[in-house]
Amino acid sequence: LHLKTGELGVEHKQGSIHDDRVLLQALYNQLISAVGSMHNKAGVAHMDIKLENVLISKDGILKLCDFGFCCYSNNLVSKKLGTESYMAPEIHEARINPCKAQTADFFSLGVLFFILAFGAPPFHTAEKQDTYFRYIKLRPGSTDFFKFHPHTRVLFREGKIEDSFMSLLLALLCADPNQRVQSIESLL
């Protein structure tokens, strides 16, 4: 499975699997299980969850790889870790204001799920100069984000994005780490 992320602003469906809900649900379940095992059993946060770090075996089993940035999940992160386009907003400021590693992983999962579902990232970077991220930050929980995003607006208008999926993505992509998903159990 190789999804091309394309550029924001170009409307296309290449790489999108939103029509294959069974596949999307299977990928979601496996990713949640992997991250849950890391956080709860191993006590570590990955800190670089992204499409390129998800491998799929011949049997369709997902495996996370590249643990170069991992740290204890309850630790505070005080440096910039991860890949810019998947990085939680608080990681950008971690040197000044240390933040929780575990909630940063949840943000990255939100970016990854968005890419899997719609074939493109929700924004370029989780910083205030990015228009789409700024919208999420200023209007937390608003499904209008899907109404205006170039890769979801047609699907939104046609009623093809389930409310529960939009709510899940918005909960994971919440700019405020204290309002974001806090535990893997809330995703089960």
C-alpha atoms as a PDB file:
ATOM      1  CA  LEU A   1       0.000   0.000   0.000  1.00  0.00           C
ATOM      2  CA  HIS A   2       1.571   3.245  -1.088  1.00  0.00           C
ATOM      3  CA  LEU A   3      -0.459   6.419  -0.905  1.00  0.00           C
ATOM      4  CA  LYS A   4       0.626   9.584  -2.607  1.00  0.00           C
ATOM      5  CA  THR A   5      -0.065  12.632  -0.513  1.00  0.00           C
ATOM      6  CA  GLY A   6      -0.112  15.156  -3.347  1.00  0.00           C
ATOM      7  CA  GLU A   7      -0.319  18.844  -2.615  1.00  0.00           C
ATOM      8  CA  LEU A   8      -3.062  20.675  -0.796  1.00  0.00           C
ATOM      9  CA  GLY A   9      -5.179  22.708  -3.138  1.00  0.00           C
ATOM     10  CA  VAL A  10      -5.222  20.064  -5.875  1.00  0.00           C
ATOM     11  CA  GLU A  11      -8.498  18.182  -5.811  1.00  0.00           C
ATOM     12  CA  HIS A  12      -8.011  14.499  -6.558  1.00  0.00           C
ATOM     13  CA  LYS A  13      -8.860  11.118  -5.121  1.00  0.00           C
ATOM     14  CA  GLN A  14      -5.598   9.304  -5.871  1.00  0.00           C
ATOM     15  CA  GLY A  15      -4.562   7.215  -2.900  1.00  0.00           C
ATOM     16  CA  SER A  16      -7.879   7.717  -1.154  1.00  0.00           C
ATOM     17  CA  ILE A  17      -9.488   4.677   0.434  1.00  0.00           C
ATOM     18  CA  HIS A  18     -12.540   6.413   1.889  1.00  0.00           C
ATOM     19  CA  ASP A  19     -14.813   4.183  -0.227  1.00  0.00           C
ATOM     20  CA  ASP A  20     -13.263   1.021   1.232  1.00  0.00           C
ATOM     21  CA  ARG A  21     -14.492   1.299   4.812  1.00  0.00           C
ATOM     22  CA  VAL A  22     -13.580  -2.307   5.588  1.00  0.00           C
ATOM     23  CA  LEU A  23      -9.935  -1.706   4.664  1.00  0.00           C
ATOM     24  CA  LEU A  24      -9.860   1.642   6.459  1.00  0.00           C
ATOM     25  CA  GLN A  25     -11.349   0.055   9.601  1.00  0.00           C
ATOM     26  CA  ALA A  26      -8.822  -2.811   9.480  1.00  0.00           C
ATOM     27  CA  LEU A  27      -5.908  -0.383   9.168  1.00  0.00           C
ATOM     28  CA  TYR A  28      -7.357   1.775  11.941  1.00  0.00           C
ATOM     29  CA  ASN A  29      -7.771  -1.213  14.274  1.00  0.00           C
ATOM     30  CA  GLN A  30      -4.224  -2.423  13.710  1.00  0.00           C
ATOM     31  CA  LEU A  31      -2.698   1.026  14.181  1.00  0.00           C
ATOM     32  CA  ILE A  32      -4.677   1.588  17.371  1.00  0.00           C
ATOM     33  CA  SER A  33      -3.565  -1.812  18.646  1.00  0.00           C
ATOM     34  CA  ALA A  34       0.098  -1.089  17.828  1.00  0.00           C
ATOM     35  CA  VAL A  35       0.081   2.339  19.455  1.00  0.00           C
ATOM     36  CA  GLY A  36      -1.851   0.977  22.444  1.00  0.00           C
ATOM     37  CA  SER A  37       0.753  -1.737  22.956  1.00  0.00           C
ATOM     38  CA  MET A  38       3.540   0.828  22.756  1.00  0.00           C
ATOM     39  CA  HIS A  39       1.904   3.268  25.167  1.00  0.00           C
ATOM     40  CA  ASN A  40       0.366   0.854  27.672  1.00  0.00           C
ATOM     41  CA  LYS A  41       2.541  -2.253  27.616  1.00  0.00           C
ATOM     42  CA  ALA A  42       5.952  -0.919  26.651  1.00  0.00           C
ATOM     43  CA  GLY A  43       5.397   2.555  28.113  1.00  0.00           C
ATOM     44  CA  VAL A  44       6.882   4.330  25.100  1.00  0.00           C
ATOM     45  CA  ALA A  45       5.701   6.905  22.602  1.00  0.00           C
ATOM     46  CA  HIS A  46       6.847   6.559  18.993  1.00  0.00           C
ATOM     47  CA  MET A  47       7.223  10.298  18.233  1.00  0.00           C
ATOM     48  CA  ASP A  48       7.416   9.752  14.453  1.00  0.00           C
ATOM     49  CA  ILE A  49       4.195   8.030  13.448  1.00  0.00           C
ATOM     50  CA  LYS A  50       3.794   8.544   9.724  1.00  0.00           C
ATOM     51  CA  LEU A  51       2.838   6.615   6.625  1.00  0.00           C
ATOM     52  CA  GLU A  52       6.461   5.871   5.793  1.00  0.00           C
ATOM     53  CA  ASN A  53       6.914   4.180   9.189  1.00  0.00           C
ATOM     54  CA  VAL A  54       4.027   1.767   8.706  1.00  0.00           C
ATOM     55  CA  LEU A  55       4.929  -1.488   7.011  1.00  0.00           C
ATOM     56  CA  ILE A  56       2.439  -4.062   5.746  1.00  0.00           C
ATOM     57  CA  SER A  57       3.391  -7.733   5.669  1.00  0.00           C
ATOM     58  CA  LYS A  58       2.313 -10.150   2.931  1.00  0.00           C
ATOM     59  CA  ASP A  59      -0.442 -11.267   5.316  1.00  0.00           C
ATOM     60  CA  GLY A  60      -1.783  -7.712   5.653  1.00  0.00           C
ATOM     61  CA  ILE A  61      -0.393  -7.194   9.154  1.00  0.00           C
ATOM     62  CA  LEU A  62       0.727  -3.650   9.948  1.00  0.00           C
ATOM     63  CA  LYS A  63       3.988  -3.050  11.736  1.00  0.00           C
ATOM     64  CA  LEU A  64       5.376   0.222  13.010  1.00  0.00           C
ATOM     65  CA  CYS A  65       9.058   0.788  12.338  1.00  0.00           C
ATOM     66  CA  ASP A  66      11.769   3.390  12.946  1.00  0.00           C
ATOM     67  CA  PHE A  67      11.817   3.915  16.692  1.00  0.00           C
ATOM     68  CA  GLY A  68      14.695   6.407  16.523  1.00  0.00           C
ATOM     69  CA  PHE A  69      12.726   9.162  18.285  1.00  0.00           C
ATOM     70  CA  CYS A  70      10.800   7.036  20.785  1.00  0.00           C
ATOM     71  CA  CYS A  71      10.765   7.998  24.440  1.00  0.00           C
ATOM     72  CA  TYR A  72       8.832   7.066  27.562  1.00  0.00           C
ATOM     73  CA  SER A  73       5.172   7.891  26.942  1.00  0.00           C
ATOM     74  CA  ASN A  74       4.721   9.842  30.178  1.00  0.00           C
ATOM     75  CA  ASN A  75       7.880  11.886  29.645  1.00  0.00           C
ATOM     76  CA  LEU A  76       7.871  15.513  28.736  1.00  0.00           C
ATOM     77  CA  VAL A  77       9.444  16.221  25.360  1.00  0.00           C
ATOM     78  CA  SER A  78      11.748  19.239  25.318  1.00  0.00           C
ATOM     79  CA  LYS A  79      13.005  19.141  21.728  1.00  0.00           C
ATOM     80  CA  LYS A  80      11.564  18.961  18.259  1.00  0.00           C
ATOM     81  CA  LEU A  81      11.089  15.288  17.302  1.00  0.00           C
ATOM     82  CA  GLY A  82       9.417  13.664  14.330  1.00  0.00           C
ATOM     83  CA  THR A  83       8.435  14.637  10.819  1.00  0.00           C
ATOM     84  CA  GLU A  84       7.234  18.193  10.260  1.00  0.00           C
ATOM     85  CA  SER A  85       3.967  17.401   8.456  1.00  0.00           C
ATOM     86  CA  TYR A  86       2.871  14.880  11.148  1.00  0.00           C
ATOM     87  CA  MET A  87       4.210  16.794  14.138  1.00  0.00           C
ATOM     88  CA  ALA A  88       1.823  17.958  16.863  1.00  0.00           C
ATOM     89  CA  PRO A  89       1.698  21.743  17.276  1.00  0.00           C
ATOM     90  CA  GLU A  90       3.130  21.619  20.788  1.00  0.00           C
ATOM     91  CA  ILE A  91       6.241  19.819  19.516  1.00  0.00           C
ATOM     92  CA  HIS A  92       7.124  22.928  17.496  1.00  0.00           C
ATOM     93  CA  GLU A  93       7.429  24.792  20.814  1.00  0.00           C
ATOM     94  CA  ALA A  94       8.817  21.937  22.927  1.00  0.00           C
ATOM     95  CA  ARG A  95      12.149  23.623  23.639  1.00  0.00           C
ATOM     96  CA  ILE A  96      10.341  26.518  25.284  1.00  0.00           C
ATOM     97  CA  ASN A  97       7.372  24.630  26.703  1.00  0.00           C
ATOM     98  CA  PRO A  98       7.954  20.856  27.195  1.00  0.00           C
ATOM     99  CA  CYS A  99       4.952  18.674  26.319  1.00  0.00           C
ATOM    100  CA  LYS A 100       3.625  15.123  26.742  1.00  0.00           C
ATOM    101  CA  ALA A 101       4.956  12.551  24.293  1.00  0.00           C
ATOM    102  CA  GLN A 102       1.835  10.365  24.308  1.00  0.00           C
ATOM    103  CA  THR A 103      -0.592  13.065  23.166  1.00  0.00           C
ATOM    104  CA  ALA A 104       1.802  14.032  20.369  1.00  0.00           C
ATOM    105  CA  ASP A 105       1.487  10.463  19.047  1.00  0.00           C
ATOM    106  CA  PHE A 106      -2.296  10.825  18.952  1.00  0.00           C
ATOM    107  CA  PHE A 107      -1.993  13.954  16.819  1.00  0.00           C
ATOM    108  CA  SER A 108       0.292  12.108  14.383  1.00  0.00           C
ATOM    109  CA  LEU A 109      -2.249   9.276  14.228  1.00  0.00           C
ATOM    110  CA  GLY A 110      -4.891  11.819  13.239  1.00  0.00           C
ATOM    111  CA  VAL A 111      -2.718  13.043  10.368  1.00  0.00           C
ATOM    112  CA  LEU A 112      -2.041   9.451   9.304  1.00  0.00           C
ATOM    113  CA  PHE A 113      -5.740   8.464   9.398  1.00  0.00           C
ATOM    114  CA  PHE A 114      -6.641  11.562   7.382  1.00  0.00           C
ATOM    115  CA  ILE A 115      -4.072  10.637   4.726  1.00  0.00           C
ATOM    116  CA  LEU A 116      -5.268   7.021   4.619  1.00  0.00           C
ATOM    117  CA  ALA A 117      -8.878   8.095   4.216  1.00  0.00           C
ATOM    118  CA  PHE A 118      -8.520  11.011   1.829  1.00  0.00           C
ATOM    119  CA  GLY A 119      -5.171  10.572   0.063  1.00  0.00           C
ATOM    120  CA  ALA A 120      -3.662  13.851   1.253  1.00  0.00           C
ATOM    121  CA  PRO A 121      -2.573  15.449   4.532  1.00  0.00           C
ATOM    122  CA  PRO A 122      -4.976  17.694   6.450  1.00  0.00           C
ATOM    123  CA  PHE A 123      -2.404  20.527   6.334  1.00  0.00           C
ATOM    124  CA  HIS A 124       1.272  21.087   5.573  1.00  0.00           C
ATOM    125  CA  THR A 125       2.340  21.845   9.129  1.00  0.00           C
ATOM    126  CA  ALA A 126       0.582  22.309  12.479  1.00  0.00           C
ATOM    127  CA  GLU A 127       1.614  25.931  12.823  1.00  0.00           C
ATOM    128  CA  LYS A 128      -0.466  29.100  12.788  1.00  0.00           C
ATOM    129  CA  GLN A 129       0.698  30.191   9.325  1.00  0.00           C
ATOM    130  CA  ASP A 130      -0.944  27.111   7.765  1.00  0.00           C
ATOM    131  CA  THR A 131      -4.510  28.013   6.750  1.00  0.00           C
ATOM    132  CA  TYR A 132      -6.052  24.595   7.316  1.00  0.00           C
ATOM    133  CA  PHE A 133      -4.370  24.041  10.662  1.00  0.00           C
ATOM    134  CA  ARG A 134      -5.360  27.539  11.762  1.00  0.00           C
ATOM    135  CA  TYR A 135      -8.981  26.639  10.973  1.00  0.00           C
ATOM    136  CA  ILE A 136      -8.781  23.531  13.191  1.00  0.00           C
ATOM    137  CA  LYS A 137      -7.163  25.574  15.953  1.00  0.00           C
ATOM    138  CA  LEU A 138      -9.659  28.436  15.858  1.00  0.00           C
ATOM    139  CA  ARG A 139     -12.737  26.215  15.432  1.00  0.00           C
ATOM    140  CA  PRO A 140     -11.969  23.036  17.395  1.00  0.00           C
ATOM    141  CA  GLY A 141     -14.396  20.219  16.725  1.00  0.00           C
ATOM    142  CA  SER A 142     -16.079  21.987  13.790  1.00  0.00           C
ATOM    143  CA  THR A 143     -16.893  19.642  10.927  1.00  0.00           C
ATOM    144  CA  ASP A 144     -16.846  22.699   8.652  1.00  0.00           C
ATOM    145  CA  PHE A 145     -13.159  21.849   8.252  1.00  0.00           C
ATOM    146  CA  PHE A 146     -14.251  18.952   6.002  1.00  0.00           C
ATOM    147  CA  LYS A 147     -16.652  21.229   4.157  1.00  0.00           C
ATOM    148  CA  PHE A 148     -13.790  23.515   3.061  1.00  0.00           C
ATOM    149  CA  HIS A 149     -10.775  21.201   2.785  1.00  0.00           C
ATOM    150  CA  PRO A 150      -9.948  20.567  -0.905  1.00  0.00           C
ATOM    151  CA  HIS A 151      -9.678  16.796  -0.431  1.00  0.00           C
ATOM    152  CA  THR A 152     -12.875  16.335   1.554  1.00  0.00           C
ATOM    153  CA  ARG A 153     -15.306  19.038   0.419  1.00  0.00           C
ATOM    154  CA  VAL A 154     -16.954  16.980  -2.355  1.00  0.00           C
ATOM    155  CA  LEU A 155     -17.258  13.940  -0.082  1.00  0.00           C
ATOM    156  CA  PHE A 156     -18.641  16.160   2.693  1.00  0.00           C
ATOM    157  CA  ARG A 157     -21.172  17.776   0.364  1.00  0.00           C
ATOM    158  CA  GLU A 158     -22.296  14.319  -0.835  1.00  0.00           C
ATOM    159  CA  GLY A 159     -22.628  13.084   2.775  1.00  0.00           C
ATOM    160  CA  LYS A 160     -19.977  10.384   2.272  1.00  0.00           C
ATOM    161  CA  ILE A 161     -17.956  11.089   5.427  1.00  0.00           C
ATOM    162  CA  GLU A 162     -19.468   9.607   8.550  1.00  0.00           C
ATOM    163  CA  ASP A 163     -20.006  12.017  11.440  1.00  0.00           C
ATOM    164  CA  SER A 164     -18.242   9.636  13.815  1.00  0.00           C
ATOM    165  CA  PHE A 165     -15.147   9.565  11.585  1.00  0.00           C
ATOM    166  CA  MET A 166     -15.051  13.359  11.339  1.00  0.00           C
ATOM    167  CA  SER A 167     -15.380  13.599  15.124  1.00  0.00           C
ATOM    168  CA  LEU A 168     -12.582  11.079  15.609  1.00  0.00           C
ATOM    169  CA  LEU A 169     -10.228  12.957  13.285  1.00  0.00           C
ATOM    170  CA  LEU A 170     -11.020  16.296  14.908  1.00  0.00           C
ATOM    171  CA  ALA A 171     -10.448  14.812  18.393  1.00  0.00           C
ATOM    172  CA  LEU A 172      -7.041  13.494  17.293  1.00  0.00           C
ATOM    173  CA  LEU A 173      -6.081  16.679  15.434  1.00  0.00           C
ATOM    174  CA  CYS A 174      -7.141  19.030  18.221  1.00  0.00           C
ATOM    175  CA  ALA A 175      -4.572  21.812  18.511  1.00  0.00           C
ATOM    176  CA  ASP A 176      -4.841  21.922  22.295  1.00  0.00           C
ATOM    177  CA  PRO A 177      -3.063  18.818  23.645  1.00  0.00           C
ATOM    178  CA  ASN A 178      -5.190  18.976  26.821  1.00  0.00           C
ATOM    179  CA  GLN A 179      -8.379  18.682  24.755  1.00  0.00           C
ATOM    180  CA  ARG A 180      -6.974  16.038  22.388  1.00  0.00           C
ATOM    181  CA  VAL A 181      -7.488  12.306  22.828  1.00  0.00           C
ATOM    182  CA  GLN A 182      -5.613  11.363  26.019  1.00  0.00           C
ATOM    183  CA  SER A 183      -5.656   7.574  25.975  1.00  0.00           C
ATOM    184  CA  ILE A 184      -5.818   4.714  23.537  1.00  0.00           C
ATOM    185  CA  GLU A 185      -8.877   3.361  25.354  1.00  0.00           C
ATOM    186  CA  SER A 186     -10.966   6.284  24.098  1.00  0.00           C
ATOM    187  CA  LEU A 187     -10.214   5.157  20.525  1.00  0.00           C
ATOM    188  CA  LEU A 188     -11.365   1.568  20.943  1.00  0.00           C
END
